[in-house]
Structures are given as structure tokens and as C-alpha cells.
Amino acid sequence: MDNLQGIVQQANLATLLGVHLGLSLFGALASNPTYNIPIFFFGIWAFNYHESNTPIKTFTGALGLSIFLDVIWFILHGGNPGGESGFGFAMTMNIISLLVKPVSVFAAVNTIQNRGDTLNAGNWAEAPGAFPGSYQPVRDGEEYV
């Protein structure tokens, strides 16, 4: 774990996102997990958006979920069921991207922490349209008969 933490501290999230995007584009030469390319484009935008940390938190969650989805996709489609040429190359690119994803998740968490925030999701009072503060009763407590 200390090794991974050292690698993450030396890694730049922007560089990792560029590597992921390149690997995903090369992986798109044959059947591939179609959600990876949009996630990485969103990650590049979220990394460069400094007005709020919400987009990079969303990206970090989506990237973490995509690790699980990749494993399922490889189990279901790993044997080249369509007989596509170039499938082995595309699969190799996607597997390399999968192996780098945990480093990218930790780098995204470090980026969030460097921006002075935590990875918590907030609470209901911060949700759009929520009333600020605590619950306030509507009636005075009178009982109706």
C-alpha cells in the first residue's frame, strides 16, 4: 500500500487521464467498454474545472465504478465472441487501462484533498432545492378533532 501511495503522489492526474484516454481510443479499434471514453473526457474537464470540487468527486466515483464494470465486461466479452480482427490489441489496451485505474482513483482523491476538500458526498441539506437548516414544523402542534 505504501508503494501505491508513493506512485500516486508522484503521478499527475492530468497525465494519467491522457494515458487513459489514449489507451481507450486505441482500445476502441474493436469491441470495447463504451463508457470509458466519455468518463475520461469528463475527467479531463473535471480536473480543469476549479470553481467547484463536485465534478471531480463525480468523476472519481464514476472511475471507481468503471473498475467493477470493466471486470464484468471482460468476463462477458473476453473470449472475442464476434471473431473480430484486432480484438487482442484492443483488449490489451483496455486491460492496461484497467490496471492503471486504481492509481488514477487514488490520484483523483489526492487532487480533491489538495484542493482542500474531502471525498464525502455531503448531506441532504446541500442538495439542490433543499431547505437550509433543520426541519421546521408547518403547524403549531394543534391537534384536530
N, C-alpha and C. Protein backbone atom coordinates (compact mmCIF):
# COMPACT_ATOMS: atom_id res chain seq x y z
N MET A 1 0.82 -1.19 0.00
CA MET A 1 0.00 0.00 0.00
C MET A 1 0.87 1.25 0.00
N ASP A 2 1.99 1.21 0.72
CA ASP A 2 2.89 2.37 0.73
C ASP A 2 3.50 2.61 -0.64
N ASN A 3 3.77 1.51 -1.37
CA ASN A 3 4.29 1.63 -2.73
C ASN A 3 3.30 2.36 -3.62
N LEU A 4 2.02 1.97 -3.55
CA LEU A 4 0.98 2.59 -4.35
C LEU A 4 0.83 4.06 -3.99
N GLN A 5 0.90 4.35 -2.69
CA GLN A 5 0.77 5.74 -2.25
C GLN A 5 1.93 6.59 -2.78
N GLY A 6 3.13 6.03 -2.81
CA GLY A 6 4.27 6.75 -3.36
C GLY A 6 4.12 7.01 -4.85
N ILE A 7 3.62 6.01 -5.57
CA ILE A 7 3.40 6.17 -7.01
C ILE A 7 2.34 7.24 -7.27
N VAL A 8 1.28 7.22 -6.48
CA VAL A 8 0.18 8.17 -6.66
C VAL A 8 0.65 9.59 -6.39
N GLN A 9 1.47 9.78 -5.39
CA GLN A 9 1.95 11.12 -5.07
C GLN A 9 2.85 11.68 -6.16
N GLN A 10 3.55 10.81 -6.87
CA GLN A 10 4.40 11.26 -7.97
C GLN A 10 3.62 11.41 -9.27
N ALA A 11 2.48 10.77 -9.37
CA ALA A 11 1.70 10.80 -10.61
C ALA A 11 0.86 12.08 -10.67
N ASN A 12 0.72 12.58 -11.86
CA ASN A 12 -0.12 13.74 -12.11
C ASN A 12 -1.43 13.22 -12.71
N LEU A 13 -2.56 13.65 -12.14
CA LEU A 13 -3.85 13.15 -12.63
C LEU A 13 -4.08 13.52 -14.09
N ALA A 14 -3.65 14.70 -14.50
CA ALA A 14 -3.84 15.10 -15.90
C ALA A 14 -3.10 14.15 -16.84
N THR A 15 -1.89 13.75 -16.47
CA THR A 15 -1.12 12.82 -17.29
C THR A 15 -1.80 11.46 -17.33
N LEU A 16 -2.26 11.00 -16.17
CA LEU A 16 -2.95 9.71 -16.12
C LEU A 16 -4.21 9.72 -16.97
N LEU A 17 -4.95 10.83 -16.94
CA LEU A 17 -6.16 10.92 -17.76
C LEU A 17 -5.82 10.89 -19.25
N GLY A 18 -4.74 11.54 -19.63
CA GLY A 18 -4.30 11.49 -21.03
C GLY A 18 -3.92 10.08 -21.45
N VAL A 19 -3.22 9.37 -20.56
CA VAL A 19 -2.85 7.98 -20.85
C VAL A 19 -4.10 7.12 -21.00
N HIS A 20 -5.04 7.27 -20.05
CA HIS A 20 -6.29 6.51 -20.13
C HIS A 20 -7.05 6.79 -21.42
N LEU A 21 -7.15 8.07 -21.77
CA LEU A 21 -7.88 8.42 -22.98
C LEU A 21 -7.22 7.81 -24.21
N GLY A 22 -5.89 7.89 -24.29
CA GLY A 22 -5.18 7.27 -25.40
C GLY A 22 -5.39 5.77 -25.47
N LEU A 23 -5.27 5.11 -24.31
CA LEU A 23 -5.49 3.67 -24.28
C LEU A 23 -6.92 3.31 -24.68
N SER A 24 -7.87 4.10 -24.22
CA SER A 24 -9.28 3.83 -24.56
C SER A 24 -9.55 4.06 -26.04
N LEU A 25 -8.92 5.07 -26.62
CA LEU A 25 -9.11 5.30 -28.05
C LEU A 25 -8.51 4.17 -28.88
N PHE A 26 -7.31 3.70 -28.49
CA PHE A 26 -6.73 2.55 -29.19
C PHE A 26 -7.55 1.28 -28.91
N GLY A 27 -8.11 1.20 -27.71
CA GLY A 27 -8.95 0.06 -27.37
C GLY A 27 -10.27 0.05 -28.11
N ALA A 28 -10.64 1.19 -28.69
CA ALA A 28 -11.90 1.29 -29.43
C ALA A 28 -11.78 0.78 -30.85
N LEU A 29 -10.64 0.23 -31.22
CA LEU A 29 -10.48 -0.31 -32.56
C LEU A 29 -11.31 -1.58 -32.77
N ALA A 30 -11.72 -2.20 -31.68
CA ALA A 30 -12.59 -3.38 -31.74
C ALA A 30 -13.61 -3.22 -30.62
N SER A 31 -14.36 -4.25 -30.35
CA SER A 31 -15.34 -4.19 -29.27
C SER A 31 -14.66 -3.76 -27.97
N ASN A 32 -15.29 -2.83 -27.28
CA ASN A 32 -14.69 -2.30 -26.06
C ASN A 32 -15.77 -1.82 -25.11
N PRO A 33 -15.40 -1.57 -23.85
CA PRO A 33 -16.36 -0.94 -22.93
C PRO A 33 -16.61 0.50 -23.39
N THR A 34 -17.80 0.79 -23.84
CA THR A 34 -18.08 2.08 -24.46
C THR A 34 -18.14 3.24 -23.47
N TYR A 35 -18.21 2.97 -22.20
CA TYR A 35 -18.32 4.02 -21.21
C TYR A 35 -16.98 4.66 -20.85
N ASN A 36 -15.87 4.03 -21.20
CA ASN A 36 -14.57 4.54 -20.77
C ASN A 36 -14.21 5.89 -21.40
N ILE A 37 -14.40 6.03 -22.69
CA ILE A 37 -14.01 7.28 -23.36
C ILE A 37 -14.77 8.47 -22.80
N PRO A 38 -16.10 8.42 -22.65
CA PRO A 38 -16.80 9.57 -22.04
C PRO A 38 -16.36 9.85 -20.60
N ILE A 39 -16.07 8.81 -19.83
CA ILE A 39 -15.62 9.02 -18.45
C ILE A 39 -14.31 9.79 -18.44
N PHE A 40 -13.39 9.45 -19.33
CA PHE A 40 -12.09 10.12 -19.33
C PHE A 40 -12.18 11.55 -19.88
N PHE A 41 -13.04 11.77 -20.88
CA PHE A 41 -13.26 13.16 -21.32
C PHE A 41 -13.85 13.99 -20.19
N PHE A 42 -14.82 13.42 -19.47
CA PHE A 42 -15.39 14.12 -18.32
C PHE A 42 -14.33 14.37 -17.26
N GLY A 43 -13.44 13.40 -17.05
CA GLY A 43 -12.37 13.56 -16.07
C GLY A 43 -11.42 14.69 -16.42
N ILE A 44 -11.10 14.83 -17.69
CA ILE A 44 -10.22 15.93 -18.12
C ILE A 44 -10.90 17.27 -17.85
N TRP A 45 -12.20 17.35 -18.17
CA TRP A 45 -12.93 18.60 -17.89
C TRP A 45 -13.01 18.85 -16.39
N ALA A 46 -13.33 17.81 -15.62
CA ALA A 46 -13.48 17.97 -14.16
C ALA A 46 -12.17 18.37 -13.51
N PHE A 47 -11.06 17.84 -14.00
CA PHE A 47 -9.75 18.20 -13.45
C PHE A 47 -9.44 19.67 -13.67
N ASN A 48 -9.84 20.19 -14.81
CA ASN A 48 -9.55 21.59 -15.14
C ASN A 48 -10.60 22.56 -14.62
N TYR A 49 -11.70 22.09 -14.08
CA TYR A 49 -12.76 22.94 -13.54
C TYR A 49 -12.46 23.19 -12.06
N HIS A 50 -12.15 24.43 -11.72
CA HIS A 50 -11.72 24.75 -10.36
C HIS A 50 -12.75 25.53 -9.55
N GLU A 51 -13.91 25.82 -10.10
CA GLU A 51 -14.92 26.59 -9.37
C GLU A 51 -15.61 25.75 -8.30
N SER A 52 -15.64 24.45 -8.48
CA SER A 52 -16.28 23.54 -7.53
C SER A 52 -15.55 22.20 -7.60
N ASN A 53 -15.58 21.48 -6.50
CA ASN A 53 -14.98 20.14 -6.48
C ASN A 53 -15.99 19.04 -6.79
N THR A 54 -17.23 19.40 -6.98
CA THR A 54 -18.27 18.41 -7.25
C THR A 54 -17.98 17.60 -8.52
N PRO A 55 -17.57 18.23 -9.64
CA PRO A 55 -17.31 17.41 -10.84
C PRO A 55 -16.18 16.39 -10.65
N ILE A 56 -15.12 16.76 -9.95
CA ILE A 56 -14.03 15.79 -9.79
C ILE A 56 -14.42 14.69 -8.81
N LYS A 57 -15.29 15.02 -7.85
CA LYS A 57 -15.81 13.97 -6.97
C LYS A 57 -16.68 12.99 -7.77
N THR A 58 -17.51 13.53 -8.65
CA THR A 58 -18.35 12.69 -9.50
C THR A 58 -17.50 11.82 -10.40
N PHE A 59 -16.45 12.42 -10.98
CA PHE A 59 -15.55 11.64 -11.83
C PHE A 59 -14.88 10.52 -11.05
N THR A 60 -14.43 10.81 -9.84
CA THR A 60 -13.76 9.80 -9.03
C THR A 60 -14.70 8.62 -8.74
N GLY A 61 -15.95 8.93 -8.42
CA GLY A 61 -16.92 7.86 -8.19
C GLY A 61 -17.19 7.05 -9.45
N ALA A 62 -17.34 7.75 -10.58
CA ALA A 62 -17.60 7.05 -11.84
C ALA A 62 -16.40 6.19 -12.25
N LEU A 63 -15.19 6.69 -12.01
CA LEU A 63 -14.00 5.91 -12.34
C LEU A 63 -13.89 4.68 -11.46
N GLY A 64 -14.21 4.83 -10.17
CA GLY A 64 -14.21 3.67 -9.28
C GLY A 64 -15.24 2.63 -9.71
N LEU A 65 -16.42 3.08 -10.10
CA LEU A 65 -17.46 2.17 -10.58
C LEU A 65 -17.03 1.49 -11.88
N SER A 66 -16.31 2.21 -12.73
CA SER A 66 -15.91 1.64 -14.02
C SER A 66 -14.91 0.49 -13.84
N ILE A 67 -14.18 0.46 -12.73
CA ILE A 67 -13.28 -0.68 -12.48
C ILE A 67 -14.12 -1.96 -12.36
N PHE A 68 -15.17 -1.88 -11.57
CA PHE A 68 -16.07 -3.02 -11.40
C PHE A 68 -16.73 -3.39 -12.73
N LEU A 69 -17.19 -2.37 -13.48
CA LEU A 69 -17.84 -2.63 -14.77
C LEU A 69 -16.87 -3.25 -15.78
N ASP A 70 -15.61 -2.81 -15.75
CA ASP A 70 -14.61 -3.40 -16.65
C ASP A 70 -14.43 -4.88 -16.38
N VAL A 71 -14.34 -5.25 -15.12
CA VAL A 71 -14.17 -6.66 -14.79
C VAL A 71 -15.34 -7.47 -15.31
N ILE A 72 -16.54 -6.98 -15.14
CA ILE A 72 -17.73 -7.68 -15.66
C ILE A 72 -17.68 -7.74 -17.18
N TRP A 73 -17.29 -6.63 -17.84
CA TRP A 73 -17.23 -6.60 -19.29
C TRP A 73 -16.22 -7.62 -19.81
N PHE A 74 -15.05 -7.71 -19.15
CA PHE A 74 -14.03 -8.66 -19.59
C PHE A 74 -14.48 -10.10 -19.39
N ILE A 75 -15.24 -10.36 -18.33
CA ILE A 75 -15.76 -11.71 -18.12
C ILE A 75 -16.76 -12.06 -19.23
N LEU A 76 -17.62 -11.12 -19.58
CA LEU A 76 -18.66 -11.40 -20.58
C LEU A 76 -18.14 -11.42 -22.01
N HIS A 77 -17.17 -10.55 -22.33
CA HIS A 77 -16.75 -10.39 -23.72
C HIS A 77 -15.28 -10.75 -23.96
N GLY A 78 -14.62 -11.34 -23.00
CA GLY A 78 -13.18 -11.58 -23.10
C GLY A 78 -12.76 -12.60 -24.13
N GLY A 79 -13.64 -13.44 -24.57
CA GLY A 79 -13.27 -14.50 -25.50
C GLY A 79 -13.43 -14.16 -26.96
N ASN A 80 -13.63 -12.89 -27.31
CA ASN A 80 -13.83 -12.46 -28.68
C ASN A 80 -14.99 -13.21 -29.34
N PRO A 81 -16.19 -13.05 -28.79
CA PRO A 81 -17.33 -13.82 -29.32
C PRO A 81 -17.68 -13.45 -30.76
N GLY A 82 -17.33 -12.24 -31.21
CA GLY A 82 -17.67 -11.84 -32.57
C GLY A 82 -16.60 -12.20 -33.59
N GLY A 83 -15.48 -12.74 -33.15
CA GLY A 83 -14.39 -13.10 -34.06
C GLY A 83 -13.77 -11.89 -34.75
N GLU A 84 -13.69 -10.76 -34.07
CA GLU A 84 -13.16 -9.54 -34.67
C GLU A 84 -11.64 -9.60 -34.82
N SER A 85 -11.14 -9.07 -35.91
CA SER A 85 -9.70 -8.92 -36.03
C SER A 85 -9.29 -7.68 -35.24
N GLY A 86 -8.14 -7.73 -34.62
CA GLY A 86 -7.69 -6.61 -33.81
C GLY A 86 -8.23 -6.62 -32.39
N PHE A 87 -9.02 -7.65 -32.08
CA PHE A 87 -9.62 -7.73 -30.74
C PHE A 87 -8.55 -7.89 -29.67
N GLY A 88 -7.53 -8.67 -29.95
CA GLY A 88 -6.46 -8.90 -28.96
C GLY A 88 -5.73 -7.60 -28.62
N PHE A 89 -5.44 -6.79 -29.64
CA PHE A 89 -4.79 -5.50 -29.40
C PHE A 89 -5.68 -4.58 -28.59
N ALA A 90 -6.95 -4.48 -28.98
CA ALA A 90 -7.89 -3.63 -28.26
C ALA A 90 -8.07 -4.11 -26.82
N MET A 91 -8.15 -5.41 -26.64
CA MET A 91 -8.30 -5.96 -25.29
C MET A 91 -7.07 -5.66 -24.44
N THR A 92 -5.89 -5.73 -25.02
CA THR A 92 -4.66 -5.41 -24.30
C THR A 92 -4.67 -3.95 -23.84
N MET A 93 -5.09 -3.04 -24.71
CA MET A 93 -5.16 -1.62 -24.34
C MET A 93 -6.14 -1.40 -23.19
N ASN A 94 -7.27 -2.08 -23.25
CA ASN A 94 -8.28 -1.93 -22.20
C ASN A 94 -7.83 -2.56 -20.89
N ILE A 95 -7.10 -3.65 -20.95
CA ILE A 95 -6.59 -4.27 -19.72
C ILE A 95 -5.54 -3.38 -19.07
N ILE A 96 -4.66 -2.78 -19.88
CA ILE A 96 -3.66 -1.84 -19.32
C ILE A 96 -4.38 -0.67 -18.66
N SER A 97 -5.41 -0.16 -19.30
CA SER A 97 -6.18 0.94 -18.72
C SER A 97 -6.82 0.51 -17.40
N LEU A 98 -7.35 -0.71 -17.36
CA LEU A 98 -7.94 -1.23 -16.12
C LEU A 98 -6.91 -1.31 -15.01
N LEU A 99 -5.70 -1.73 -15.33
CA LEU A 99 -4.66 -1.85 -14.31
C LEU A 99 -4.20 -0.50 -13.78
N VAL A 100 -4.32 0.55 -14.59
CA VAL A 100 -3.90 1.89 -14.16
C VAL A 100 -5.03 2.63 -13.43
N LYS A 101 -6.26 2.17 -13.58
CA LYS A 101 -7.41 2.86 -12.98
C LYS A 101 -7.32 3.03 -11.46
N PRO A 102 -6.90 2.02 -10.68
CA PRO A 102 -6.80 2.26 -9.23
C PRO A 102 -5.83 3.38 -8.88
N VAL A 103 -4.73 3.48 -9.62
CA VAL A 103 -3.78 4.58 -9.39
C VAL A 103 -4.46 5.91 -9.69
N SER A 104 -5.26 5.94 -10.74
CA SER A 104 -5.96 7.16 -11.11
C SER A 104 -7.01 7.55 -10.07
N VAL A 105 -7.69 6.55 -9.49
CA VAL A 105 -8.67 6.86 -8.44
C VAL A 105 -7.96 7.49 -7.25
N PHE A 106 -6.85 6.91 -6.84
CA PHE A 106 -6.10 7.47 -5.71
C PHE A 106 -5.54 8.85 -6.05
N ALA A 107 -5.10 9.05 -7.30
CA ALA A 107 -4.61 10.37 -7.71
C ALA A 107 -5.75 11.39 -7.69
N ALA A 108 -6.95 10.98 -8.08
CA ALA A 108 -8.10 11.89 -8.04
C ALA A 108 -8.45 12.25 -6.60
N VAL A 109 -8.38 11.28 -5.70
CA VAL A 109 -8.63 11.56 -4.28
C VAL A 109 -7.58 12.54 -3.75
N ASN A 110 -6.32 12.34 -4.13
CA ASN A 110 -5.26 13.27 -3.73
C ASN A 110 -5.52 14.67 -4.28
N THR A 111 -5.99 14.75 -5.50
CA THR A 111 -6.31 16.05 -6.10
C THR A 111 -7.42 16.74 -5.33
N ILE A 112 -8.44 15.98 -4.95
CA ILE A 112 -9.53 16.55 -4.16
C ILE A 112 -9.01 17.05 -2.81
N GLN A 113 -8.15 16.27 -2.18
CA GLN A 113 -7.58 16.68 -0.90
C GLN A 113 -6.67 17.89 -1.05
N ASN A 114 -5.92 17.96 -2.15
CA ASN A 114 -5.06 19.12 -2.39
C ASN A 114 -5.87 20.39 -2.62
N ARG A 115 -7.09 20.23 -3.08
CA ARG A 115 -7.98 21.39 -3.27
C ARG A 115 -8.69 21.77 -1.98
N GLY A 116 -8.37 21.06 -0.89
CA GLY A 116 -8.93 21.39 0.41
C GLY A 116 -10.29 20.81 0.69
N ASP A 117 -10.63 19.71 0.07
CA ASP A 117 -11.93 19.09 0.25
C ASP A 117 -11.75 17.62 0.60
N THR A 118 -12.84 16.97 0.95
CA THR A 118 -12.82 15.54 1.21
C THR A 118 -13.73 14.85 0.20
N LEU A 119 -13.70 13.54 0.20
CA LEU A 119 -14.48 12.79 -0.78
C LEU A 119 -15.91 12.53 -0.32
N ASN A 120 -16.32 13.11 0.81
CA ASN A 120 -17.68 12.84 1.27
C ASN A 120 -18.70 13.38 0.28
N ALA A 121 -19.88 12.80 0.33
CA ALA A 121 -20.92 13.16 -0.64
C ALA A 121 -21.81 14.30 -0.17
N GLY A 122 -21.59 14.80 1.04
CA GLY A 122 -22.43 15.88 1.55
C GLY A 122 -23.64 15.32 2.26
N ASN A 123 -24.63 16.16 2.46
CA ASN A 123 -25.84 15.72 3.11
C ASN A 123 -27.05 16.29 2.38
N TRP A 124 -28.22 15.94 2.84
CA TRP A 124 -29.44 16.35 2.15
C TRP A 124 -29.65 17.85 2.17
N ALA A 125 -29.14 18.53 3.18
CA ALA A 125 -29.33 19.98 3.27
C ALA A 125 -28.59 20.71 2.15
N GLU A 126 -27.56 20.06 1.57
CA GLU A 126 -26.79 20.67 0.49
C GLU A 126 -27.35 20.33 -0.89
N ALA A 127 -28.37 19.49 -0.94
CA ALA A 127 -28.94 19.08 -2.23
C ALA A 127 -29.67 20.25 -2.87
N PRO A 128 -29.69 20.30 -4.21
CA PRO A 128 -30.41 21.39 -4.88
C PRO A 128 -31.89 21.39 -4.50
N GLY A 129 -32.39 22.54 -4.13
CA GLY A 129 -33.79 22.68 -3.78
C GLY A 129 -34.11 22.36 -2.34
N ALA A 130 -33.09 21.95 -1.57
CA ALA A 130 -33.34 21.60 -0.16
C ALA A 130 -33.45 22.88 0.67
N PHE A 131 -34.19 22.78 1.76
CA PHE A 131 -34.31 23.90 2.68
C PHE A 131 -33.08 23.94 3.57
N PRO A 132 -32.50 25.11 3.76
CA PRO A 132 -31.33 25.18 4.64
C PRO A 132 -31.73 24.98 6.09
N GLY A 133 -30.81 24.46 6.87
CA GLY A 133 -31.07 24.29 8.29
C GLY A 133 -31.80 23.00 8.59
N SER A 134 -32.39 22.94 9.77
CA SER A 134 -33.06 21.73 10.20
C SER A 134 -34.54 21.77 9.85
N TYR A 135 -35.19 20.70 10.16
CA TYR A 135 -36.62 20.56 9.88
C TYR A 135 -37.42 21.56 10.71
N GLN A 136 -38.38 22.21 10.08
CA GLN A 136 -39.25 23.14 10.78
C GLN A 136 -40.69 22.67 10.59
N PRO A 137 -41.43 22.51 11.70
CA PRO A 137 -42.81 22.04 11.58
C PRO A 137 -43.68 23.09 10.89
N VAL A 138 -44.66 22.62 10.14
CA VAL A 138 -45.54 23.51 9.41
C VAL A 138 -46.66 24.04 10.31
N ARG A 139 -47.15 23.20 11.19
CA ARG A 139 -48.24 23.59 12.09
C ARG A 139 -47.71 23.86 13.48
N ASP A 140 -48.56 24.49 14.29
CA ASP A 140 -48.18 24.84 15.65
C ASP A 140 -48.24 23.67 16.61
N GLY A 141 -48.70 22.56 16.20
CA GLY A 141 -48.84 21.42 17.07
C GLY A 141 -50.26 21.24 17.58
N GLU A 142 -51.18 22.00 17.02
CA GLU A 142 -52.58 21.86 17.42
C GLU A 142 -53.11 20.54 16.89
N GLU A 143 -53.88 19.90 17.73
CA GLU A 143 -54.49 18.65 17.30
C GLU A 143 -55.87 18.91 16.76
N TYR A 144 -56.20 18.26 15.68
CA TYR A 144 -57.52 18.41 15.08
C TYR A 144 -58.39 17.25 15.51
N VAL A 145 -59.62 17.56 15.76
CA VAL A 145 -60.54 16.54 16.24
C VAL A 145 -61.39 16.02 15.12
